Amino acid sequence: CIGCRMCMAACPYNARSFNWEEPVRDVDFSYGDGAVPVRPKGVAEKCTLCKERTDRGEEPRCVQCCPLDARIFGDLDDPNSEVSKVIVERKARVLLEEQGTRPQVYYFE
């Protein structure tokens, strides 16, 4: 990231934020997974679904911590995975599929 913010302008989901200030970390506060790098001032950010955690076979933190179990994470390529079954059973949909971004976050009512 060179800080040009073109990805923010191009993102059809408005799903990026920009680090305008230097990051401030309180040494006495846990910010989540220690493997997540502290990103500097002047870069764009988006949710990575906790790549550091999922690379280790763990769920993203939002899935793990959701008190109502409203989030499901899994392998979309495995038709027997819980997430694949829920997508079919609940007729889940993606946002802005017509944009051609191949979204992989599904929503259902």
PDB file of N, CA and C in Angstrom:
ATOM      1  N   CYS A   1       0.844  -1.191   0.000  1.00  0.00           N
ATOM      2  CA  CYS A   1       0.000   0.000   0.000  1.00  0.00           C
ATOM      3  C   CYS A   1       0.879   1.241   0.000  1.00  0.00           C
ATOM      4  N   ILE A   2       0.633   2.117  -0.949  1.00  0.00           N
ATOM      5  CA  ILE A   2       1.375   3.377  -1.024  1.00  0.00           C
ATOM      6  C   ILE A   2       0.539   4.556  -0.553  1.00  0.00           C
ATOM      7  N   GLY A   3      -0.678   4.257  -0.061  1.00  0.00           N
ATOM      8  CA  GLY A   3      -1.518   5.304   0.501  1.00  0.00           C
ATOM      9  C   GLY A   3      -2.279   6.141  -0.501  1.00  0.00           C
ATOM     10  N   CYS A   4      -2.416   5.658  -1.733  1.00  0.00           N
ATOM     11  CA  CYS A   4      -3.097   6.461  -2.759  1.00  0.00           C
ATOM     12  C   CYS A   4      -4.617   6.447  -2.587  1.00  0.00           C
ATOM     13  N   ARG A   5      -5.153   5.481  -1.870  1.00  0.00           N
ATOM     14  CA  ARG A   5      -6.583   5.321  -1.574  1.00  0.00           C
ATOM     15  C   ARG A   5      -7.423   5.007  -2.810  1.00  0.00           C
ATOM     16  N   MET A   6      -6.820   4.597  -3.901  1.00  0.00           N
ATOM     17  CA  MET A   6      -7.586   4.224  -5.087  1.00  0.00           C
ATOM     18  C   MET A   6      -8.448   2.989  -4.819  1.00  0.00           C
ATOM     19  N   CYS A   7      -7.966   2.070  -3.979  1.00  0.00           N
ATOM     20  CA  CYS A   7      -8.775   0.901  -3.642  1.00  0.00           C
ATOM     21  C   CYS A   7     -10.035   1.317  -2.905  1.00  0.00           C
ATOM     22  N   MET A   8      -9.936   2.355  -2.082  1.00  0.00           N
ATOM     23  CA  MET A   8     -11.108   2.851  -1.361  1.00  0.00           C
ATOM     24  C   MET A   8     -12.118   3.429  -2.341  1.00  0.00           C
ATOM     25  N   ALA A   9     -11.622   4.143  -3.333  1.00  0.00           N
ATOM     26  CA  ALA A   9     -12.515   4.733  -4.330  1.00  0.00           C
ATOM     27  C   ALA A   9     -13.162   3.655  -5.197  1.00  0.00           C
ATOM     28  N   ALA A  10     -12.430   2.581  -5.471  1.00  0.00           N
ATOM     29  CA  ALA A  10     -12.928   1.541  -6.367  1.00  0.00           C
ATOM     30  C   ALA A  10     -13.784   0.494  -5.664  1.00  0.00           C
ATOM     31  N   CYS A  11     -13.694   0.370  -4.370  1.00  0.00           N
ATOM     32  CA  CYS A  11     -14.399  -0.687  -3.643  1.00  0.00           C
ATOM     33  C   CYS A  11     -15.907  -0.467  -3.696  1.00  0.00           C
ATOM     34  N   PRO A  12     -16.660  -1.385  -4.326  1.00  0.00           N
ATOM     35  CA  PRO A  12     -18.108  -1.199  -4.413  1.00  0.00           C
ATOM     36  C   PRO A  12     -18.811  -1.408  -3.081  1.00  0.00           C
ATOM     37  N   TYR A  13     -18.117  -1.931  -2.087  1.00  0.00           N
ATOM     38  CA  TYR A  13     -18.723  -2.225  -0.799  1.00  0.00           C
ATOM     39  C   TYR A  13     -18.452  -1.148   0.255  1.00  0.00           C
ATOM     40  N   ASN A  14     -17.657  -0.147  -0.080  1.00  0.00           N
ATOM     41  CA  ASN A  14     -17.244   0.858   0.910  1.00  0.00           C
ATOM     42  C   ASN A  14     -16.630   0.178   2.129  1.00  0.00           C
ATOM     43  N   ALA A  15     -15.798  -0.814   1.878  1.00  0.00           N
ATOM     44  CA  ALA A  15     -15.291  -1.663   2.947  1.00  0.00           C
ATOM     45  C   ALA A  15     -13.843  -1.396   3.298  1.00  0.00           C
ATOM     46  N   ARG A  16     -13.361  -0.236   3.030  1.00  0.00           N
ATOM     47  CA  ARG A  16     -11.985   0.088   3.368  1.00  0.00           C
ATOM     48  C   ARG A  16     -11.972   1.288   4.327  1.00  0.00           C
ATOM     49  N   SER A  17     -10.952   1.323   5.137  1.00  0.00           N
ATOM     50  CA  SER A  17     -10.730   2.487   5.993  1.00  0.00           C
ATOM     51  C   SER A  17      -9.274   2.897   5.816  1.00  0.00           C
ATOM     52  N   PHE A  18      -8.961   4.094   6.224  1.00  0.00           N
ATOM     53  CA  PHE A  18      -7.612   4.616   6.026  1.00  0.00           C
ATOM     54  C   PHE A  18      -7.029   5.017   7.372  1.00  0.00           C
ATOM     55  N   ASN A  19      -5.783   4.643   7.598  1.00  0.00           N
ATOM     56  CA  ASN A  19      -5.082   5.017   8.830  1.00  0.00           C
ATOM     57  C   ASN A  19      -4.512   6.424   8.686  1.00  0.00           C
ATOM     58  N   TRP A  20      -5.256   7.378   9.180  1.00  0.00           N
ATOM     59  CA  TRP A  20      -4.824   8.775   9.078  1.00  0.00           C
ATOM     60  C   TRP A  20      -3.791   9.131  10.135  1.00  0.00           C
ATOM     61  N   GLU A  21      -3.778   8.425  11.247  1.00  0.00           N
ATOM     62  CA  GLU A  21      -2.894   8.739  12.375  1.00  0.00           C
ATOM     63  C   GLU A  21      -1.934   7.581  12.631  1.00  0.00           C
ATOM     64  N   GLU A  22      -0.853   7.875  13.316  1.00  0.00           N
ATOM     65  CA  GLU A  22       0.048   6.818  13.764  1.00  0.00           C
ATOM     66  C   GLU A  22      -0.716   5.923  14.743  1.00  0.00           C
ATOM     67  N   PRO A  23      -0.533   4.606  14.658  1.00  0.00           N
ATOM     68  CA  PRO A  23      -1.234   3.720  15.590  1.00  0.00           C
ATOM     69  C   PRO A  23      -0.740   3.929  17.017  1.00  0.00           C
ATOM     70  N   VAL A  24      -1.658   3.917  17.953  1.00  0.00           N
ATOM     71  CA  VAL A  24      -1.327   4.046  19.370  1.00  0.00           C
ATOM     72  C   VAL A  24      -1.744   2.746  20.035  1.00  0.00           C
ATOM     73  N   ARG A  25      -0.811   2.082  20.662  1.00  0.00           N
ATOM     74  CA  ARG A  25      -1.085   0.813  21.324  1.00  0.00           C
ATOM     75  C   ARG A  25      -0.799   0.946  22.809  1.00  0.00           C
ATOM     76  N   ASP A  26      -1.805   0.656  23.608  1.00  0.00           N
ATOM     77  CA  ASP A  26      -1.655   0.649  25.051  1.00  0.00           C
ATOM     78  C   ASP A  26      -1.006  -0.677  25.434  1.00  0.00           C
ATOM     79  N   VAL A  27       0.123  -0.634  26.095  1.00  0.00           N
ATOM     80  CA  VAL A  27       0.852  -1.864  26.412  1.00  0.00           C
ATOM     81  C   VAL A  27       0.101  -2.770  27.377  1.00  0.00           C
ATOM     82  N   ASP A  28      -0.861  -2.225  28.101  1.00  0.00           N
ATOM     83  CA  ASP A  28      -1.607  -3.031  29.063  1.00  0.00           C
ATOM     84  C   ASP A  28      -2.928  -3.543  28.507  1.00  0.00           C
ATOM     85  N   PHE A  29      -3.129  -3.470  27.191  1.00  0.00           N
ATOM     86  CA  PHE A  29      -4.380  -3.888  26.583  1.00  0.00           C
ATOM     87  C   PHE A  29      -4.115  -4.900  25.484  1.00  0.00           C
ATOM     88  N   SER A  30      -4.884  -5.977  25.463  1.00  0.00           N
ATOM     89  CA  SER A  30      -4.733  -6.993  24.428  1.00  0.00           C
ATOM     90  C   SER A  30      -5.541  -6.591  23.199  1.00  0.00           C
ATOM     91  N   TYR A  31      -4.896  -6.499  22.058  1.00  0.00           N
ATOM     92  CA  TYR A  31      -5.553  -6.106  20.817  1.00  0.00           C
ATOM     93  C   TYR A  31      -5.917  -7.306  19.959  1.00  0.00           C
ATOM     94  N   GLY A  32      -5.939  -8.477  20.497  1.00  0.00           N
ATOM     95  CA  GLY A  32      -6.269  -9.657  19.708  1.00  0.00           C
ATOM     96  C   GLY A  32      -5.036 -10.478  19.431  1.00  0.00           C
ATOM     97  N   ASP A  33      -4.985 -11.039  18.258  1.00  0.00           N
ATOM     98  CA  ASP A  33      -3.918 -11.947  17.887  1.00  0.00           C
ATOM     99  C   ASP A  33      -2.591 -11.207  17.734  1.00  0.00           C
ATOM    100  N   GLY A  34      -1.580 -11.671  18.431  1.00  0.00           N
ATOM    101  CA  GLY A  34      -0.266 -11.041  18.372  1.00  0.00           C
ATOM    102  C   GLY A  34       0.417 -11.174  17.025  1.00  0.00           C
ATOM    103  N   ALA A  35      -0.087 -12.076  16.170  1.00  0.00           N
ATOM    104  CA  ALA A  35       0.519 -12.264  14.849  1.00  0.00           C
ATOM    105  C   ALA A  35       0.082 -11.200  13.851  1.00  0.00           C
ATOM    106  N   VAL A  36      -0.940 -10.420  14.202  1.00  0.00           N
ATOM    107  CA  VAL A  36      -1.423  -9.375  13.292  1.00  0.00           C
ATOM    108  C   VAL A  36      -0.451  -8.202  13.362  1.00  0.00           C
ATOM    109  N   PRO A  37       0.111  -7.813  12.232  1.00  0.00           N
ATOM    110  CA  PRO A  37       1.062  -6.697  12.257  1.00  0.00           C
ATOM    111  C   PRO A  37       0.371  -5.371  12.558  1.00  0.00           C
ATOM    112  N   VAL A  38       1.083  -4.491  13.235  1.00  0.00           N
ATOM    113  CA  VAL A  38       0.580  -3.130  13.448  1.00  0.00           C
ATOM    114  C   VAL A  38       0.809  -2.376  12.149  1.00  0.00           C
ATOM    115  N   ARG A  39      -0.261  -1.888  11.586  1.00  0.00           N
ATOM    116  CA  ARG A  39      -0.150  -1.201  10.305  1.00  0.00           C
ATOM    117  C   ARG A  39       0.128   0.276  10.531  1.00  0.00           C
ATOM    118  N   PRO A  40       0.987   0.839   9.726  1.00  0.00           N
ATOM    119  CA  PRO A  40       1.427   2.212   9.955  1.00  0.00           C
ATOM    120  C   PRO A  40       0.425   3.254   9.450  1.00  0.00           C
ATOM    121  N   LYS A  41       0.685   4.480   9.817  1.00  0.00           N
ATOM    122  CA  LYS A  41      -0.066   5.612   9.288  1.00  0.00           C
ATOM    123  C   LYS A  41       0.086   5.646   7.763  1.00  0.00           C
ATOM    124  N   GLY A  42      -1.002   6.027   7.085  1.00  0.00           N
ATOM    125  CA  GLY A  42      -0.923   6.220   5.646  1.00  0.00           C
ATOM    126  C   GLY A  42      -1.213   5.001   4.795  1.00  0.00           C
ATOM    127  N   VAL A  43      -1.903   3.991   5.368  1.00  0.00           N
ATOM    128  CA  VAL A  43      -2.251   2.810   4.575  1.00  0.00           C
ATOM    129  C   VAL A  43      -3.747   2.530   4.680  1.00  0.00           C
ATOM    130  N   ALA A  44      -4.292   1.911   3.640  1.00  0.00           N
ATOM    131  CA  ALA A  44      -5.693   1.507   3.629  1.00  0.00           C
ATOM    132  C   ALA A  44      -5.825   0.141   4.282  1.00  0.00           C
ATOM    133  N   GLU A  45      -6.967  -0.096   4.895  1.00  0.00           N
ATOM    134  CA  GLU A  45      -7.226  -1.353   5.593  1.00  0.00           C
ATOM    135  C   GLU A  45      -8.557  -1.929   5.152  1.00  0.00           C
ATOM    136  N   LYS A  46      -8.717  -3.216   5.337  1.00  0.00           N
ATOM    137  CA  LYS A  46     -10.006  -3.883   5.200  1.00  0.00           C
ATOM    138  C   LYS A  46      -9.950  -5.123   6.071  1.00  0.00           C
ATOM    139  N   CYS A  47     -11.101  -5.720   6.297  1.00  0.00           N
ATOM    140  CA  CYS A  47     -11.154  -6.956   7.073  1.00  0.00           C
ATOM    141  C   CYS A  47     -10.492  -8.074   6.273  1.00  0.00           C
ATOM    142  N   THR A  48      -9.639  -8.837   6.924  1.00  0.00           N
ATOM    143  CA  THR A  48      -8.972  -9.965   6.277  1.00  0.00           C
ATOM    144  C   THR A  48      -9.531 -11.294   6.775  1.00  0.00           C
ATOM    145  N   LEU A  49     -10.653 -11.239   7.507  1.00  0.00           N
ATOM    146  CA  LEU A  49     -11.216 -12.428   8.151  1.00  0.00           C
ATOM    147  C   LEU A  49     -10.157 -13.131   8.993  1.00  0.00           C
ATOM    148  N   CYS A  50      -9.356 -12.326   9.668  1.00  0.00           N
ATOM    149  CA  CYS A  50      -8.319 -12.835  10.573  1.00  0.00           C
ATOM    150  C   CYS A  50      -7.421 -13.863   9.891  1.00  0.00           C
ATOM    151  N   LYS A  51      -6.798 -13.447   8.801  1.00  0.00           N
ATOM    152  CA  LYS A  51      -5.940 -14.338   8.020  1.00  0.00           C
ATOM    153  C   LYS A  51      -4.932 -15.081   8.887  1.00  0.00           C
ATOM    154  N   GLU A  52      -4.362 -14.430   9.860  1.00  0.00           N
ATOM    155  CA  GLU A  52      -3.372 -15.080  10.729  1.00  0.00           C
ATOM    156  C   GLU A  52      -4.005 -16.248  11.479  1.00  0.00           C
ATOM    157  N   ARG A  53      -5.245 -16.076  11.925  1.00  0.00           N
ATOM    158  CA  ARG A  53      -5.940 -17.150  12.643  1.00  0.00           C
ATOM    159  C   ARG A  53      -6.369 -18.269  11.696  1.00  0.00           C
ATOM    160  N   THR A  54      -6.966 -17.909  10.558  1.00  0.00           N
ATOM    161  CA  THR A  54      -7.466 -18.938   9.642  1.00  0.00           C
ATOM    162  C   THR A  54      -6.321 -19.732   9.021  1.00  0.00           C
ATOM    163  N   ASP A  55      -5.159 -19.115   8.848  1.00  0.00           N
ATOM    164  CA  ASP A  55      -3.985 -19.853   8.366  1.00  0.00           C
ATOM    165  C   ASP A  55      -3.580 -20.957   9.345  1.00  0.00           C
ATOM    166  N   ARG A  56      -3.905 -20.758  10.620  1.00  0.00           N
ATOM    167  CA  ARG A  56      -3.607 -21.761  11.652  1.00  0.00           C
ATOM    168  C   ARG A  56      -4.771 -22.733  11.857  1.00  0.00           C
ATOM    169  N   GLY A  57      -5.826 -22.594  11.055  1.00  0.00           N
ATOM    170  CA  GLY A  57      -6.978 -23.484  11.181  1.00  0.00           C
ATOM    171  C   GLY A  57      -7.983 -23.029  12.217  1.00  0.00           C
ATOM    172  N   GLU A  58      -7.851 -21.802  12.707  1.00  0.00           N
ATOM    173  CA  GLU A  58      -8.792 -21.264  13.687  1.00  0.00           C
ATOM    174  C   GLU A  58      -9.837 -20.407  12.992  1.00  0.00           C
ATOM    175  N   GLU A  59     -10.949 -20.158  13.664  1.00  0.00           N
ATOM    176  CA  GLU A  59     -11.992 -19.296  13.115  1.00  0.00           C
ATOM    177  C   GLU A  59     -11.595 -17.830  13.262  1.00  0.00           C
ATOM    178  N   PRO A  60     -12.140 -16.971  12.394  1.00  0.00           N
ATOM    179  CA  PRO A  60     -11.939 -15.533  12.611  1.00  0.00           C
ATOM    180  C   PRO A  60     -12.497 -15.138  13.978  1.00  0.00           C
ATOM    181  N   ARG A  61     -11.939 -14.114  14.560  1.00  0.00           N
ATOM    182  CA  ARG A  61     -12.332 -13.700  15.905  1.00  0.00           C
ATOM    183  C   ARG A  61     -13.823 -13.340  15.976  1.00  0.00           C
ATOM    184  N   CYS A  62     -14.371 -12.712  14.924  1.00  0.00           N
ATOM    185  CA  CYS A  62     -15.788 -12.324  14.966  1.00  0.00           C
ATOM    186  C   CYS A  62     -16.700 -13.541  15.041  1.00  0.00           C
ATOM    187  N   VAL A  63     -16.300 -14.644  14.412  1.00  0.00           N
ATOM    188  CA  VAL A  63     -17.080 -15.882  14.469  1.00  0.00           C
ATOM    189  C   VAL A  63     -16.953 -16.496  15.858  1.00  0.00           C
ATOM    190  N   GLN A  64     -15.748 -16.529  16.360  1.00  0.00           N
ATOM    191  CA  GLN A  64     -15.495 -17.121  17.665  1.00  0.00           C
ATOM    192  C   GLN A  64     -16.232 -16.376  18.778  1.00  0.00           C
ATOM    193  N   CYS A  65     -16.304 -15.059  18.691  1.00  0.00           N
ATOM    194  CA  CYS A  65     -16.834 -14.241  19.779  1.00  0.00           C
ATOM    195  C   CYS A  65     -18.318 -13.893  19.657  1.00  0.00           C
ATOM    196  N   CYS A  66     -18.946 -14.212  18.545  1.00  0.00           N
ATOM    197  CA  CYS A  66     -20.345 -13.828  18.358  1.00  0.00           C
ATOM    198  C   CYS A  66     -21.222 -14.527  19.397  1.00  0.00           C
ATOM    199  N   PRO A  67     -21.873 -13.770  20.278  1.00  0.00           N
ATOM    200  CA  PRO A  67     -22.644 -14.405  21.353  1.00  0.00           C
ATOM    201  C   PRO A  67     -23.893 -15.129  20.863  1.00  0.00           C
ATOM    202  N   LEU A  68     -24.355 -14.844  19.671  1.00  0.00           N
ATOM    203  CA  LEU A  68     -25.569 -15.478  19.155  1.00  0.00           C
ATOM    204  C   LEU A  68     -25.282 -16.522  18.081  1.00  0.00           C
ATOM    205  N   ASP A  69     -24.006 -16.815  17.845  1.00  0.00           N
ATOM    206  CA  ASP A  69     -23.612 -17.759  16.787  1.00  0.00           C
ATOM    207  C   ASP A  69     -24.238 -17.387  15.449  1.00  0.00           C
ATOM    208  N   ALA A  70     -24.254 -16.098  15.145  1.00  0.00           N
ATOM    209  CA  ALA A  70     -24.864 -15.604  13.906  1.00  0.00           C
ATOM    210  C   ALA A  70     -23.897 -15.635  12.732  1.00  0.00           C
ATOM    211  N   ARG A  71     -22.659 -15.989  12.985  1.00  0.00           N
ATOM    212  CA  ARG A  71     -21.651 -16.027  11.924  1.00  0.00           C
ATOM    213  C   ARG A  71     -21.131 -17.451  11.767  1.00  0.00           C
ATOM    214  N   ILE A  72     -20.907 -17.835  10.513  1.00  0.00           N
ATOM    215  CA  ILE A  72     -20.376 -19.161  10.203  1.00  0.00           C
ATOM    216  C   ILE A  72     -19.199 -18.964   9.258  1.00  0.00           C
ATOM    217  N   PHE A  73     -18.139 -19.696   9.508  1.00  0.00           N
ATOM    218  CA  PHE A  73     -16.958 -19.622   8.656  1.00  0.00           C
ATOM    219  C   PHE A  73     -16.592 -21.028   8.242  1.00  0.00           C
ATOM    220  N   GLY A  74     -16.229 -21.204   6.979  1.00  0.00           N
ATOM    221  CA  GLY A  74     -15.834 -22.528   6.558  1.00  0.00           C
ATOM    222  C   GLY A  74     -15.404 -22.577   5.112  1.00  0.00           C
ATOM    223  N   ASP A  75     -15.250 -23.789   4.614  1.00  0.00           N
ATOM    224  CA  ASP A  75     -14.745 -24.044   3.275  1.00  0.00           C
ATOM    225  C   ASP A  75     -15.894 -24.078   2.276  1.00  0.00           C
ATOM    226  N   LEU A  76     -15.983 -23.060   1.429  1.00  0.00           N
ATOM    227  CA  LEU A  76     -17.041 -22.997   0.423  1.00  0.00           C
ATOM    228  C   LEU A  76     -16.863 -24.056  -0.658  1.00  0.00           C
ATOM    229  N   ASP A  77     -15.660 -24.594  -0.805  1.00  0.00           N
ATOM    230  CA  ASP A  77     -15.400 -25.626  -1.805  1.00  0.00           C
ATOM    231  C   ASP A  77     -15.805 -27.026  -1.332  1.00  0.00           C
ATOM    232  N   ASP A  78     -16.122 -27.149  -0.054  1.00  0.00           N
ATOM    233  CA  ASP A  78     -16.536 -28.438   0.504  1.00  0.00           C
ATOM    234  C   ASP A  78     -18.051 -28.442   0.650  1.00  0.00           C
ATOM    235  N   PRO A  79     -18.768 -29.184  -0.205  1.00  0.00           N
ATOM    236  CA  PRO A  79     -20.234 -29.170  -0.132  1.00  0.00           C
ATOM    237  C   PRO A  79     -20.777 -29.754   1.166  1.00  0.00           C
ATOM    238  N   ASN A  80     -19.947 -30.447   1.929  1.00  0.00           N
ATOM    239  CA  ASN A  80     -20.388 -31.018   3.201  1.00  0.00           C
ATOM    240  C   ASN A  80     -20.083 -30.135   4.406  1.00  0.00           C
ATOM    241  N   SER A  81     -19.429 -28.990   4.170  1.00  0.00           N
ATOM    242  CA  SER A  81     -19.119 -28.091   5.285  1.00  0.00           C
ATOM    243  C   SER A  81     -20.397 -27.417   5.770  1.00  0.00           C
ATOM    244  N   GLU A  82     -20.398 -27.015   7.023  1.00  0.00           N
ATOM    245  CA  GLU A  82     -21.570 -26.354   7.600  1.00  0.00           C
ATOM    246  C   GLU A  82     -21.959 -25.117   6.800  1.00  0.00           C
ATOM    247  N   VAL A  83     -20.971 -24.309   6.425  1.00  0.00           N
ATOM    248  CA  VAL A  83     -21.274 -23.075   5.707  1.00  0.00           C
ATOM    249  C   VAL A  83     -21.905 -23.366   4.351  1.00  0.00           C
ATOM    250  N   SER A  84     -21.425 -24.370   3.639  1.00  0.00           N
ATOM    251  CA  SER A  84     -21.999 -24.714   2.342  1.00  0.00           C
ATOM    252  C   SER A  84     -23.437 -25.196   2.480  1.00  0.00           C
ATOM    253  N   LYS A  85     -23.701 -25.976   3.504  1.00  0.00           N
ATOM    254  CA  LYS A  85     -25.062 -26.463   3.742  1.00  0.00           C
ATOM    255  C   LYS A  85     -26.009 -25.318   4.085  1.00  0.00           C
ATOM    256  N   VAL A  86     -25.568 -24.393   4.917  1.00  0.00           N
ATOM    257  CA  VAL A  86     -26.416 -23.255   5.311  1.00  0.00           C
ATOM    258  C   VAL A  86     -26.715 -22.368   4.106  1.00  0.00           C
ATOM    259  N   ILE A  87     -25.746 -22.170   3.236  1.00  0.00           N
ATOM    260  CA  ILE A  87     -25.946 -21.347   2.044  1.00  0.00           C
ATOM    261  C   ILE A  87     -27.075 -21.922   1.194  1.00  0.00           C
ATOM    262  N   VAL A  88     -27.077 -23.234   1.033  1.00  0.00           N
ATOM    263  CA  VAL A  88     -28.117 -23.880   0.230  1.00  0.00           C
ATOM    264  C   VAL A  88     -29.461 -23.869   0.962  1.00  0.00           C
ATOM    265  N   GLU A  89     -29.450 -24.285   2.221  1.00  0.00           N
ATOM    266  CA  GLU A  89     -30.695 -24.413   2.986  1.00  0.00           C
ATOM    267  C   GLU A  89     -31.393 -23.072   3.215  1.00  0.00           C
ATOM    268  N   ARG A  90     -30.607 -22.036   3.480  1.00  0.00           N
ATOM    269  CA  ARG A  90     -31.194 -20.737   3.830  1.00  0.00           C
ATOM    270  C   ARG A  90     -31.258 -19.783   2.643  1.00  0.00           C
ATOM    271  N   LYS A  91     -30.900 -20.275   1.454  1.00  0.00           N
ATOM    272  CA  LYS A  91     -30.909 -19.448   0.239  1.00  0.00           C
ATOM    273  C   LYS A  91     -30.122 -18.154   0.449  1.00  0.00           C
ATOM    274  N   ALA A  92     -28.897 -18.312   0.899  1.00  0.00           N
ATOM    275  CA  ALA A  92     -28.034 -17.165   1.179  1.00  0.00           C
ATOM    276  C   ALA A  92     -27.665 -16.447  -0.108  1.00  0.00           C
ATOM    277  N   ARG A  93     -27.337 -15.176   0.025  1.00  0.00           N
ATOM    278  CA  ARG A  93     -26.978 -14.362  -1.141  1.00  0.00           C
ATOM    279  C   ARG A  93     -25.746 -13.536  -0.810  1.00  0.00           C
ATOM    280  N   VAL A  94     -25.109 -13.053  -1.851  1.00  0.00           N
ATOM    281  CA  VAL A  94     -23.960 -12.168  -1.689  1.00  0.00           C
ATOM    282  C   VAL A  94     -24.373 -10.759  -2.079  1.00  0.00           C
ATOM    283  N   LEU A  95     -23.592  -9.788  -1.670  1.00  0.00           N
ATOM    284  CA  LEU A  95     -23.861  -8.392  -2.025  1.00  0.00           C
ATOM    285  C   LEU A  95     -23.170  -8.036  -3.332  1.00  0.00           C
ATOM    286  N   LEU A  96     -23.857  -7.323  -4.170  1.00  0.00           N
ATOM    287  CA  LEU A  96     -23.302  -6.763  -5.408  1.00  0.00           C
ATOM    288  C   LEU A  96     -22.612  -7.797  -6.289  1.00  0.00           C
ATOM    289  N   GLU A  97     -23.239  -8.943  -6.440  1.00  0.00           N
ATOM    290  CA  GLU A  97     -22.664 -10.000  -7.273  1.00  0.00           C
ATOM    291  C   GLU A  97     -22.417  -9.521  -8.703  1.00  0.00           C
ATOM    292  N   GLU A  98     -23.262  -8.613  -9.166  1.00  0.00           N
ATOM    293  CA  GLU A  98     -23.146  -8.091 -10.527  1.00  0.00           C
ATOM    294  C   GLU A  98     -21.871  -7.275 -10.755  1.00  0.00           C
ATOM    295  N   GLN A  99     -21.168  -6.915  -9.705  1.00  0.00           N
ATOM    296  CA  GLN A  99     -19.917  -6.167  -9.842  1.00  0.00           C
ATOM    297  C   GLN A  99     -18.758  -7.046 -10.308  1.00  0.00           C
ATOM    298  N   GLY A 100     -18.931  -8.363 -10.259  1.00  0.00           N
ATOM    299  CA  GLY A 100     -17.909  -9.273 -10.751  1.00  0.00           C
ATOM    300  C   GLY A 100     -16.710  -9.452  -9.832  1.00  0.00           C
ATOM    301  N   THR A 101     -16.869  -9.145  -8.549  1.00  0.00           N
ATOM    302  CA  THR A 101     -15.743  -9.257  -7.615  1.00  0.00           C
ATOM    303  C   THR A 101     -15.644 -10.644  -6.983  1.00  0.00           C
ATOM    304  N   ARG A 102     -16.522 -11.558  -7.369  1.00  0.00           N
ATOM    305  CA  ARG A 102     -16.571 -12.920  -6.823  1.00  0.00           C
ATOM    306  C   ARG A 102     -16.640 -12.904  -5.292  1.00  0.00           C
ATOM    307  N   PRO A 103     -17.645 -12.226  -4.727  1.00  0.00           N
ATOM    308  CA  PRO A 103     -17.751 -12.151  -3.268  1.00  0.00           C
ATOM    309  C   PRO A 103     -17.906 -13.530  -2.639  1.00  0.00           C
ATOM    310  N   GLN A 104     -17.350 -13.689  -1.464  1.00  0.00           N
ATOM    311  CA  GLN A 104     -17.417 -14.955  -0.761  1.00  0.00           C
ATOM    312  C   GLN A 104     -17.988 -14.801   0.653  1.00  0.00           C
ATOM    313  N   VAL A 105     -18.644 -13.688   0.901  1.00  0.00           N
ATOM    314  CA  VAL A 105     -19.353 -13.470   2.143  1.00  0.00           C
ATOM    315  C   VAL A 105     -20.834 -13.541   1.807  1.00  0.00           C
ATOM    316  N   TYR A 106     -21.529 -14.476   2.430  1.00  0.00           N
ATOM    317  CA  TYR A 106     -22.941 -14.705   2.146  1.00  0.00           C
ATOM    318  C   TYR A 106     -23.803 -14.205   3.299  1.00  0.00           C
ATOM    319  N   TYR A 107     -25.007 -13.761   2.944  1.00  0.00           N
ATOM    320  CA  TYR A 107     -25.970 -13.265   3.918  1.00  0.00           C
ATOM    321  C   TYR A 107     -27.278 -14.013   3.749  1.00  0.00           C
ATOM    322  N   PHE A 108     -27.969 -14.261   4.841  1.00  0.00           N
ATOM    323  CA  PHE A 108     -29.293 -14.849   4.770  1.00  0.00           C
ATOM    324  C   PHE A 108     -30.153 -14.218   5.842  1.00  0.00           C
ATOM    325  N   GLU A 109     -31.450 -14.338   5.650  1.00  0.00           N
ATOM    326  CA  GLU A 109     -32.395 -13.736   6.612  1.00  0.00           C
ATOM    327  C   GLU A 109     -32.870 -14.744   7.600  1.00  0.00           C
TER     328      GLU A 109
END
